Amino acid sequence: MKHKVTIYAALTGMMLTGNVHAIYVDPVDCITCTSTMDPTVCNNYGPTCCEPCKFKPIGPIVCDESLCNGETATDMGGGCDKLESRACVNNLCKTTTTARCQKGYYGTATLNNLKTSCSGCTACPSSGGVAGTTSGPGATAITECYIPAGTKSSDSTGSFEYTGNCYYKN
């Protein structure tokens, strides 16, 4: 069925006129909200959501995994990365923001409330002027720091080369 609709924008002097088609949505089509999550925490309404149902969907909600995936790391300085991970959760695309220490750093990375700065990462100790490192980002303990195998160094006893990774001990 076709109806002519006129919309007036208050105090602007604007008017929109056009034809619209009425869409009937049966109230029974409302998604049944059977949440396996905490019913007091509900960010989105979908196949599993909080009651009461807030809308009457016309078609199924489908999260496209080819568009909603991956992780982006942003250098926040101080050996800290902000991570934004996307994934389909309950058929909705969800982005989660966390932090981690970069390679060569360890600790508990923490973002501020505005997610504009990060703290909690410490550089691995060095030995003989050689910086320590980690096997990758995300180290949380100093014992994950090491001087890599093949590193050449010297001290008061002479020159030497590390034949294996030399891990920091507490």
N, C-alpha and C. Protein backbone atom coordinates (compact mmCIF):
# COMPACT_ATOMS: atom_id res chain seq x y z
N MET A 1 0.84 -1.15 0.00
CA MET A 1 0.00 0.00 0.00
C MET A 1 0.90 1.23 0.00
N LYS A 2 0.53 2.26 -0.77
CA LYS A 2 1.34 3.45 -0.93
C LYS A 2 0.64 4.62 -0.25
N HIS A 3 1.39 5.43 0.50
CA HIS A 3 0.85 6.61 1.18
C HIS A 3 1.73 7.80 0.86
N LYS A 4 1.11 8.97 0.78
CA LYS A 4 1.88 10.20 0.62
C LYS A 4 2.13 10.77 2.00
N VAL A 5 3.39 11.09 2.30
CA VAL A 5 3.76 11.56 3.61
C VAL A 5 4.44 12.92 3.48
N THR A 6 4.11 13.83 4.36
CA THR A 6 4.77 15.13 4.41
C THR A 6 5.38 15.26 5.80
N ILE A 7 6.67 15.59 5.84
CA ILE A 7 7.38 15.74 7.11
C ILE A 7 7.81 17.19 7.24
N TYR A 8 7.48 17.80 8.36
CA TYR A 8 7.87 19.18 8.64
C TYR A 8 8.96 19.18 9.69
N ALA A 9 10.06 19.89 9.46
CA ALA A 9 11.13 20.03 10.45
C ALA A 9 10.85 21.31 11.23
N ALA A 10 10.54 21.17 12.48
CA ALA A 10 10.14 22.30 13.31
C ALA A 10 11.19 23.40 13.31
N LEU A 11 10.75 24.64 13.18
CA LEU A 11 11.55 25.86 13.26
C LEU A 11 12.64 25.97 12.20
N THR A 12 12.57 25.16 11.13
CA THR A 12 13.58 25.28 10.09
C THR A 12 13.00 25.76 8.77
N GLY A 13 11.69 25.69 8.64
CA GLY A 13 11.06 26.07 7.39
C GLY A 13 11.23 25.01 6.32
N MET A 14 11.69 23.82 6.69
CA MET A 14 11.90 22.75 5.71
C MET A 14 10.69 21.84 5.67
N MET A 15 10.44 21.28 4.48
CA MET A 15 9.36 20.33 4.34
C MET A 15 9.79 19.27 3.33
N LEU A 16 9.60 18.01 3.66
CA LEU A 16 9.91 16.91 2.76
C LEU A 16 8.61 16.22 2.40
N THR A 17 8.40 15.96 1.11
CA THR A 17 7.19 15.29 0.66
C THR A 17 7.61 14.14 -0.24
N GLY A 18 6.98 13.00 -0.07
CA GLY A 18 7.31 11.87 -0.92
C GLY A 18 6.36 10.72 -0.69
N ASN A 19 6.52 9.67 -1.49
CA ASN A 19 5.69 8.48 -1.36
C ASN A 19 6.44 7.44 -0.53
N VAL A 20 5.71 6.74 0.31
CA VAL A 20 6.30 5.69 1.11
C VAL A 20 5.44 4.44 0.99
N HIS A 21 6.04 3.31 1.24
CA HIS A 21 5.33 2.05 1.27
C HIS A 21 5.21 1.60 2.71
N ALA A 22 4.03 1.22 3.12
CA ALA A 22 3.83 0.75 4.49
C ALA A 22 4.36 -0.68 4.59
N ILE A 23 5.10 -0.96 5.65
CA ILE A 23 5.63 -2.30 5.90
C ILE A 23 4.99 -2.80 7.18
N TYR A 24 4.30 -3.92 7.08
CA TYR A 24 3.68 -4.49 8.26
C TYR A 24 4.62 -5.53 8.84
N VAL A 25 4.91 -5.38 10.13
CA VAL A 25 5.76 -6.34 10.83
C VAL A 25 4.92 -6.96 11.94
N ASP A 26 4.71 -8.25 11.84
CA ASP A 26 3.93 -8.97 12.84
C ASP A 26 4.65 -8.93 14.18
N PRO A 27 3.98 -8.53 15.27
CA PRO A 27 4.64 -8.47 16.57
C PRO A 27 5.23 -9.80 17.02
N VAL A 28 4.75 -10.90 16.47
CA VAL A 28 5.26 -12.22 16.85
C VAL A 28 6.66 -12.42 16.28
N ASP A 29 7.07 -11.61 15.26
CA ASP A 29 8.39 -11.76 14.64
C ASP A 29 9.52 -11.26 15.52
N CYS A 30 9.19 -10.67 16.63
CA CYS A 30 10.23 -10.15 17.52
C CYS A 30 11.12 -11.30 17.97
N ILE A 31 12.44 -11.09 17.92
CA ILE A 31 13.39 -12.14 18.30
C ILE A 31 13.15 -12.55 19.75
N THR A 32 13.11 -13.83 20.00
CA THR A 32 13.00 -14.32 21.36
C THR A 32 14.34 -14.13 22.04
N CYS A 33 14.34 -13.47 23.17
CA CYS A 33 15.58 -13.12 23.84
C CYS A 33 15.92 -14.18 24.88
N THR A 34 16.73 -15.13 24.49
CA THR A 34 17.16 -16.19 25.41
C THR A 34 18.66 -16.05 25.56
N SER A 35 19.06 -15.27 26.52
CA SER A 35 20.48 -14.95 26.69
C SER A 35 21.18 -16.00 27.54
N THR A 36 22.37 -16.39 27.09
CA THR A 36 23.24 -17.24 27.91
C THR A 36 24.20 -16.37 28.70
N MET A 37 24.18 -15.06 28.38
CA MET A 37 25.04 -14.11 29.06
C MET A 37 24.30 -13.54 30.27
N ASP A 38 24.97 -12.72 31.03
CA ASP A 38 24.37 -12.03 32.17
C ASP A 38 23.25 -11.12 31.64
N PRO A 39 22.00 -11.33 32.03
CA PRO A 39 20.89 -10.54 31.47
C PRO A 39 20.94 -9.07 31.86
N THR A 40 21.75 -8.70 32.85
CA THR A 40 21.85 -7.29 33.23
C THR A 40 22.84 -6.54 32.35
N VAL A 41 23.64 -7.27 31.57
CA VAL A 41 24.63 -6.65 30.69
C VAL A 41 24.24 -6.96 29.26
N CYS A 42 23.73 -5.96 28.56
CA CYS A 42 23.29 -6.18 27.19
C CYS A 42 23.65 -4.96 26.36
N ASN A 43 24.60 -5.12 25.44
CA ASN A 43 25.01 -3.99 24.61
C ASN A 43 24.24 -3.94 23.30
N ASN A 44 23.84 -5.08 22.79
CA ASN A 44 23.14 -5.15 21.51
C ASN A 44 22.00 -6.15 21.60
N TYR A 45 20.97 -5.92 20.82
CA TYR A 45 19.87 -6.87 20.74
C TYR A 45 20.10 -7.73 19.52
N GLY A 46 19.99 -9.02 19.69
CA GLY A 46 20.23 -9.94 18.59
C GLY A 46 19.65 -11.29 18.92
N PRO A 47 20.14 -12.35 18.27
CA PRO A 47 19.60 -13.69 18.50
C PRO A 47 19.66 -14.11 19.97
N THR A 48 20.64 -13.63 20.71
CA THR A 48 20.65 -13.83 22.17
C THR A 48 20.79 -12.45 22.77
N CYS A 49 19.77 -12.00 23.47
CA CYS A 49 19.79 -10.62 23.98
C CYS A 49 18.98 -10.52 25.26
N CYS A 50 18.86 -9.30 25.74
CA CYS A 50 18.13 -9.06 26.98
C CYS A 50 16.67 -8.78 26.68
N GLU A 51 15.80 -9.26 27.57
CA GLU A 51 14.39 -8.95 27.41
C GLU A 51 14.10 -7.59 28.04
N PRO A 52 13.09 -6.87 27.67
CA PRO A 52 12.19 -7.22 26.58
C PRO A 52 12.81 -6.89 25.23
N CYS A 53 12.34 -7.54 24.23
CA CYS A 53 12.85 -7.31 22.88
C CYS A 53 12.51 -5.87 22.50
N LYS A 54 13.50 -5.13 21.99
CA LYS A 54 13.31 -3.71 21.74
C LYS A 54 12.94 -3.38 20.28
N PHE A 55 13.00 -4.35 19.40
CA PHE A 55 12.67 -4.07 18.01
C PHE A 55 12.09 -5.31 17.36
N LYS A 56 11.50 -5.10 16.21
CA LYS A 56 10.90 -6.20 15.48
C LYS A 56 11.68 -6.35 14.16
N PRO A 57 12.65 -7.25 14.10
CA PRO A 57 13.47 -7.38 12.89
C PRO A 57 12.67 -7.91 11.71
N ILE A 58 13.00 -7.40 10.53
CA ILE A 58 12.34 -7.85 9.31
C ILE A 58 13.05 -9.09 8.77
N GLY A 59 14.36 -9.13 8.88
CA GLY A 59 15.12 -10.27 8.39
C GLY A 59 16.13 -10.69 9.44
N PRO A 60 16.80 -11.81 9.22
CA PRO A 60 17.78 -12.27 10.20
C PRO A 60 19.01 -11.37 10.23
N ILE A 61 19.63 -11.27 11.39
CA ILE A 61 20.87 -10.51 11.54
C ILE A 61 22.01 -11.48 11.23
N VAL A 62 22.90 -11.10 10.33
CA VAL A 62 24.01 -11.98 9.97
C VAL A 62 25.31 -11.18 10.04
N CYS A 63 26.25 -11.68 10.83
CA CYS A 63 27.56 -11.05 10.93
C CYS A 63 28.44 -11.64 9.82
N ASP A 64 29.04 -10.78 9.01
CA ASP A 64 29.91 -11.22 7.92
C ASP A 64 31.34 -11.39 8.45
N GLU A 65 31.76 -12.64 8.66
CA GLU A 65 33.08 -12.91 9.25
C GLU A 65 34.23 -12.45 8.35
N SER A 66 34.00 -12.31 7.05
CA SER A 66 35.08 -11.84 6.17
C SER A 66 35.34 -10.35 6.38
N LEU A 67 34.35 -9.60 6.88
CA LEU A 67 34.52 -8.17 7.16
C LEU A 67 34.78 -7.90 8.64
N CYS A 68 34.33 -8.80 9.48
CA CYS A 68 34.43 -8.59 10.92
C CYS A 68 35.45 -9.56 11.50
N ASN A 69 36.72 -9.29 11.26
CA ASN A 69 37.78 -10.13 11.83
C ASN A 69 39.07 -9.35 11.87
N GLY A 70 40.03 -9.85 12.60
CA GLY A 70 41.35 -9.25 12.61
C GLY A 70 41.67 -8.47 13.86
N GLU A 71 42.91 -8.02 13.87
CA GLU A 71 43.44 -7.29 15.02
C GLU A 71 44.32 -6.17 14.50
N THR A 72 44.19 -4.99 15.10
CA THR A 72 45.00 -3.84 14.75
C THR A 72 45.77 -3.40 15.99
N ALA A 73 47.09 -3.26 15.86
CA ALA A 73 47.93 -2.81 16.97
C ALA A 73 48.39 -1.38 16.68
N THR A 74 48.24 -0.50 17.66
CA THR A 74 48.67 0.89 17.55
C THR A 74 49.72 1.16 18.63
N ASP A 75 50.89 1.66 18.22
CA ASP A 75 51.97 1.98 19.15
C ASP A 75 51.55 3.17 20.00
N MET A 76 51.45 2.96 21.31
CA MET A 76 51.05 4.03 22.23
C MET A 76 52.26 4.65 22.93
N GLY A 77 53.49 4.21 22.59
CA GLY A 77 54.69 4.70 23.25
C GLY A 77 54.95 3.95 24.54
N GLY A 78 56.16 4.06 25.05
CA GLY A 78 56.51 3.42 26.31
C GLY A 78 56.48 1.91 26.26
N GLY A 79 56.66 1.34 25.06
CA GLY A 79 56.66 -0.12 24.92
C GLY A 79 55.29 -0.75 24.96
N CYS A 80 54.25 0.04 24.72
CA CYS A 80 52.87 -0.43 24.86
C CYS A 80 52.11 -0.31 23.54
N ASP A 81 51.30 -1.33 23.22
CA ASP A 81 50.42 -1.33 22.06
C ASP A 81 48.97 -1.34 22.50
N LYS A 82 48.12 -0.58 21.80
CA LYS A 82 46.67 -0.69 21.96
C LYS A 82 46.20 -1.67 20.89
N LEU A 83 45.44 -2.69 21.29
CA LEU A 83 44.93 -3.70 20.36
C LEU A 83 43.43 -3.54 20.18
N GLU A 84 42.99 -3.52 18.93
CA GLU A 84 41.57 -3.52 18.62
C GLU A 84 41.29 -4.80 17.84
N SER A 85 40.52 -5.70 18.46
CA SER A 85 40.20 -6.99 17.86
C SER A 85 38.72 -7.01 17.48
N ARG A 86 38.44 -7.49 16.26
CA ARG A 86 37.06 -7.59 15.77
C ARG A 86 36.72 -9.05 15.55
N ALA A 87 35.50 -9.43 15.95
CA ALA A 87 35.03 -10.79 15.75
C ALA A 87 33.51 -10.82 15.83
N CYS A 88 32.92 -11.84 15.20
CA CYS A 88 31.47 -12.03 15.29
C CYS A 88 31.16 -12.69 16.63
N VAL A 89 30.33 -12.03 17.43
CA VAL A 89 29.90 -12.55 18.72
C VAL A 89 28.37 -12.48 18.75
N ASN A 90 27.73 -13.61 18.96
CA ASN A 90 26.26 -13.68 18.93
C ASN A 90 25.70 -13.06 17.65
N ASN A 91 26.39 -13.32 16.55
CA ASN A 91 25.99 -12.88 15.22
C ASN A 91 26.04 -11.36 15.03
N LEU A 92 26.78 -10.66 15.89
CA LEU A 92 26.99 -9.23 15.75
C LEU A 92 28.49 -8.96 15.73
N CYS A 93 28.94 -7.94 14.97
CA CYS A 93 30.35 -7.60 14.91
C CYS A 93 30.73 -6.82 16.16
N LYS A 94 31.67 -7.35 16.94
CA LYS A 94 32.06 -6.72 18.19
C LYS A 94 33.54 -6.36 18.14
N THR A 95 33.89 -5.16 18.61
CA THR A 95 35.27 -4.71 18.70
C THR A 95 35.66 -4.65 20.17
N THR A 96 36.78 -5.28 20.49
CA THR A 96 37.30 -5.28 21.86
C THR A 96 38.64 -4.55 21.86
N THR A 97 38.82 -3.62 22.80
CA THR A 97 40.06 -2.85 22.89
C THR A 97 40.81 -3.26 24.17
N THR A 98 42.06 -3.69 23.99
CA THR A 98 42.91 -4.08 25.12
C THR A 98 44.30 -3.49 24.88
N ALA A 99 45.24 -3.83 25.75
CA ALA A 99 46.62 -3.37 25.60
C ALA A 99 47.57 -4.52 25.88
N ARG A 100 48.78 -4.44 25.32
CA ARG A 100 49.82 -5.43 25.59
C ARG A 100 51.18 -4.74 25.47
N CYS A 101 52.17 -5.35 26.12
CA CYS A 101 53.54 -4.83 26.01
C CYS A 101 54.14 -5.29 24.68
N GLN A 102 54.96 -4.44 24.08
CA GLN A 102 55.61 -4.75 22.81
C GLN A 102 56.76 -5.72 23.02
N LYS A 103 57.27 -6.28 21.92
CA LYS A 103 58.44 -7.14 21.98
C LYS A 103 59.59 -6.35 22.62
N GLY A 104 60.29 -7.00 23.56
CA GLY A 104 61.39 -6.34 24.27
C GLY A 104 60.96 -5.64 25.55
N TYR A 105 59.66 -5.73 25.88
CA TYR A 105 59.10 -5.14 27.09
C TYR A 105 58.29 -6.20 27.82
N TYR A 106 58.06 -5.99 29.10
CA TYR A 106 57.23 -6.91 29.89
C TYR A 106 56.41 -6.10 30.88
N GLY A 107 55.34 -6.67 31.39
CA GLY A 107 54.51 -6.02 32.40
C GLY A 107 53.04 -6.21 32.13
N THR A 108 52.23 -5.43 32.85
CA THR A 108 50.78 -5.44 32.67
C THR A 108 50.38 -4.13 32.02
N ALA A 109 50.15 -4.17 30.71
CA ALA A 109 49.80 -2.97 29.95
C ALA A 109 48.38 -2.54 30.31
N THR A 110 48.21 -1.25 30.56
CA THR A 110 46.91 -0.71 30.96
C THR A 110 46.64 0.57 30.17
N LEU A 111 45.45 0.64 29.53
CA LEU A 111 45.03 1.85 28.83
C LEU A 111 44.33 2.79 29.81
N ASN A 112 44.47 4.10 29.58
CA ASN A 112 43.70 5.04 30.40
C ASN A 112 42.24 4.97 29.98
N ASN A 113 41.35 5.65 30.72
CA ASN A 113 39.91 5.57 30.45
C ASN A 113 39.53 6.02 29.05
N LEU A 114 40.25 6.99 28.51
CA LEU A 114 39.95 7.48 27.16
C LEU A 114 40.63 6.65 26.07
N LYS A 115 41.44 5.69 26.48
CA LYS A 115 42.18 4.82 25.56
C LYS A 115 43.11 5.61 24.65
N THR A 116 43.70 6.68 25.22
CA THR A 116 44.62 7.53 24.46
C THR A 116 46.06 7.38 24.91
N SER A 117 46.29 6.70 26.04
CA SER A 117 47.65 6.45 26.49
C SER A 117 47.69 5.13 27.24
N CYS A 118 48.91 4.61 27.36
CA CYS A 118 49.10 3.28 27.94
C CYS A 118 50.28 3.32 28.90
N SER A 119 50.22 2.51 29.94
CA SER A 119 51.32 2.44 30.90
C SER A 119 51.46 1.00 31.38
N GLY A 120 52.53 0.74 32.14
CA GLY A 120 52.71 -0.56 32.76
C GLY A 120 53.74 -1.47 32.11
N CYS A 121 54.42 -1.00 31.07
CA CYS A 121 55.43 -1.83 30.39
C CYS A 121 56.83 -1.34 30.73
N THR A 122 57.75 -2.28 30.96
CA THR A 122 59.14 -1.99 31.31
C THR A 122 60.05 -2.66 30.30
N ALA A 123 61.08 -1.94 29.86
CA ALA A 123 62.04 -2.52 28.91
C ALA A 123 62.79 -3.67 29.58
N CYS A 124 63.06 -4.72 28.81
CA CYS A 124 63.86 -5.83 29.33
C CYS A 124 65.26 -5.33 29.69
N PRO A 125 65.87 -5.90 30.72
CA PRO A 125 67.21 -5.47 31.11
C PRO A 125 68.23 -5.77 30.02
N SER A 126 69.29 -4.98 30.01
CA SER A 126 70.38 -5.20 29.06
C SER A 126 71.58 -5.80 29.79
N SER A 127 72.48 -6.37 29.02
CA SER A 127 73.69 -6.95 29.60
C SER A 127 74.86 -6.60 28.70
N GLY A 128 75.86 -5.94 29.25
CA GLY A 128 77.03 -5.56 28.45
C GLY A 128 76.69 -4.66 27.28
N GLY A 129 75.70 -3.81 27.45
CA GLY A 129 75.30 -2.90 26.38
C GLY A 129 74.38 -3.54 25.36
N VAL A 130 73.99 -4.79 25.57
CA VAL A 130 73.09 -5.49 24.65
C VAL A 130 71.69 -5.50 25.26
N ALA A 131 70.73 -4.96 24.52
CA ALA A 131 69.36 -4.90 25.02
C ALA A 131 68.73 -6.28 25.06
N GLY A 132 68.01 -6.56 26.13
CA GLY A 132 67.26 -7.80 26.22
C GLY A 132 66.02 -7.73 25.35
N THR A 133 65.42 -8.86 25.07
CA THR A 133 64.23 -8.92 24.23
C THR A 133 63.29 -9.99 24.76
N THR A 134 62.17 -10.17 24.09
CA THR A 134 61.22 -11.24 24.38
C THR A 134 60.92 -11.96 23.07
N SER A 135 60.28 -13.10 23.14
CA SER A 135 60.00 -13.86 21.92
C SER A 135 58.96 -13.19 21.04
N GLY A 136 58.20 -12.29 21.59
CA GLY A 136 57.17 -11.56 20.84
C GLY A 136 56.48 -10.59 21.77
N PRO A 137 55.42 -9.92 21.30
CA PRO A 137 54.69 -9.00 22.17
C PRO A 137 53.87 -9.78 23.20
N GLY A 138 53.54 -9.12 24.30
CA GLY A 138 52.65 -9.71 25.29
C GLY A 138 53.31 -10.32 26.50
N ALA A 139 54.63 -10.14 26.67
CA ALA A 139 55.31 -10.70 27.85
C ALA A 139 54.82 -9.98 29.11
N THR A 140 54.57 -10.75 30.16
CA THR A 140 54.06 -10.16 31.40
C THR A 140 55.05 -10.24 32.55
N ALA A 141 56.11 -11.06 32.42
CA ALA A 141 57.08 -11.24 33.51
C ALA A 141 58.50 -11.01 33.01
N ILE A 142 59.36 -10.51 33.89
CA ILE A 142 60.76 -10.25 33.55
C ILE A 142 61.47 -11.54 33.13
N THR A 143 61.02 -12.67 33.61
CA THR A 143 61.64 -13.96 33.28
C THR A 143 61.40 -14.37 31.82
N GLU A 144 60.59 -13.61 31.09
CA GLU A 144 60.39 -13.85 29.65
C GLU A 144 61.42 -13.06 28.83
N CYS A 145 62.23 -12.23 29.49
CA CYS A 145 63.28 -11.45 28.82
C CYS A 145 64.54 -12.28 28.68
N TYR A 146 65.28 -12.08 27.60
CA TYR A 146 66.54 -12.81 27.38
C TYR A 146 67.46 -12.03 26.45
N ILE A 147 68.76 -12.40 26.48
CA ILE A 147 69.74 -11.94 25.51
C ILE A 147 69.78 -13.03 24.45
N PRO A 148 69.56 -12.69 23.18
CA PRO A 148 69.44 -13.72 22.14
C PRO A 148 70.75 -14.48 21.87
N ALA A 149 70.60 -15.75 21.50
CA ALA A 149 71.74 -16.57 21.08
C ALA A 149 72.44 -15.89 19.90
N GLY A 150 73.75 -16.02 19.85
CA GLY A 150 74.53 -15.42 18.76
C GLY A 150 74.98 -14.00 19.04
N THR A 151 74.50 -13.42 20.14
CA THR A 151 74.90 -12.05 20.50
C THR A 151 76.34 -12.06 21.00
N LYS A 152 77.17 -11.15 20.46
CA LYS A 152 78.57 -11.03 20.88
C LYS A 152 78.67 -9.89 21.87
N SER A 153 79.45 -10.10 22.93
CA SER A 153 79.61 -9.09 23.97
C SER A 153 80.99 -9.26 24.60
N SER A 154 81.28 -8.42 25.55
CA SER A 154 82.55 -8.55 26.28
C SER A 154 82.37 -7.98 27.68
N ASP A 155 83.22 -8.45 28.59
CA ASP A 155 83.26 -7.92 29.95
C ASP A 155 84.72 -7.91 30.39
N SER A 156 84.98 -7.76 31.67
CA SER A 156 86.36 -7.65 32.17
C SER A 156 87.16 -8.94 31.94
N THR A 157 86.49 -10.06 31.65
CA THR A 157 87.21 -11.32 31.42
C THR A 157 87.54 -11.54 29.95
N GLY A 158 86.94 -10.76 29.06
CA GLY A 158 87.20 -10.91 27.63
C GLY A 158 85.93 -10.89 26.80
N SER A 159 86.07 -11.27 25.51
CA SER A 159 84.94 -11.30 24.58
C SER A 159 84.30 -12.68 24.60
N PHE A 160 82.99 -12.70 24.30
CA PHE A 160 82.28 -13.97 24.28
C PHE A 160 81.04 -13.86 23.39
N GLU A 161 80.43 -14.99 23.12
CA GLU A 161 79.20 -15.06 22.33
C GLU A 161 78.22 -15.96 23.05
N TYR A 162 76.96 -15.51 23.12
CA TYR A 162 75.91 -16.32 23.74
C TYR A 162 75.57 -17.48 22.80
N THR A 163 75.67 -18.71 23.29
CA THR A 163 75.39 -19.87 22.45
C THR A 163 73.91 -20.28 22.50
N GLY A 164 73.18 -19.77 23.47
CA GLY A 164 71.75 -20.00 23.59
C GLY A 164 71.11 -18.76 24.15
N ASN A 165 69.79 -18.69 24.09
CA ASN A 165 69.11 -17.56 24.68
C ASN A 165 69.39 -17.56 26.19
N CYS A 166 69.79 -16.41 26.70
CA CYS A 166 70.13 -16.29 28.12
C CYS A 166 69.02 -15.53 28.82
N TYR A 167 68.11 -16.26 29.51
CA TYR A 167 66.94 -15.68 30.16
C TYR A 167 67.27 -15.03 31.48
N TYR A 168 66.53 -13.98 31.81
CA TYR A 168 66.68 -13.29 33.08
C TYR A 168 66.09 -14.17 34.17
N LYS A 169 66.77 -14.23 35.30
CA LYS A 169 66.29 -15.00 36.45
C LYS A 169 66.00 -14.05 37.59
N ASN A 170 64.95 -14.33 38.37
CA ASN A 170 64.62 -13.52 39.55
C ASN A 170 65.59 -13.79 40.67
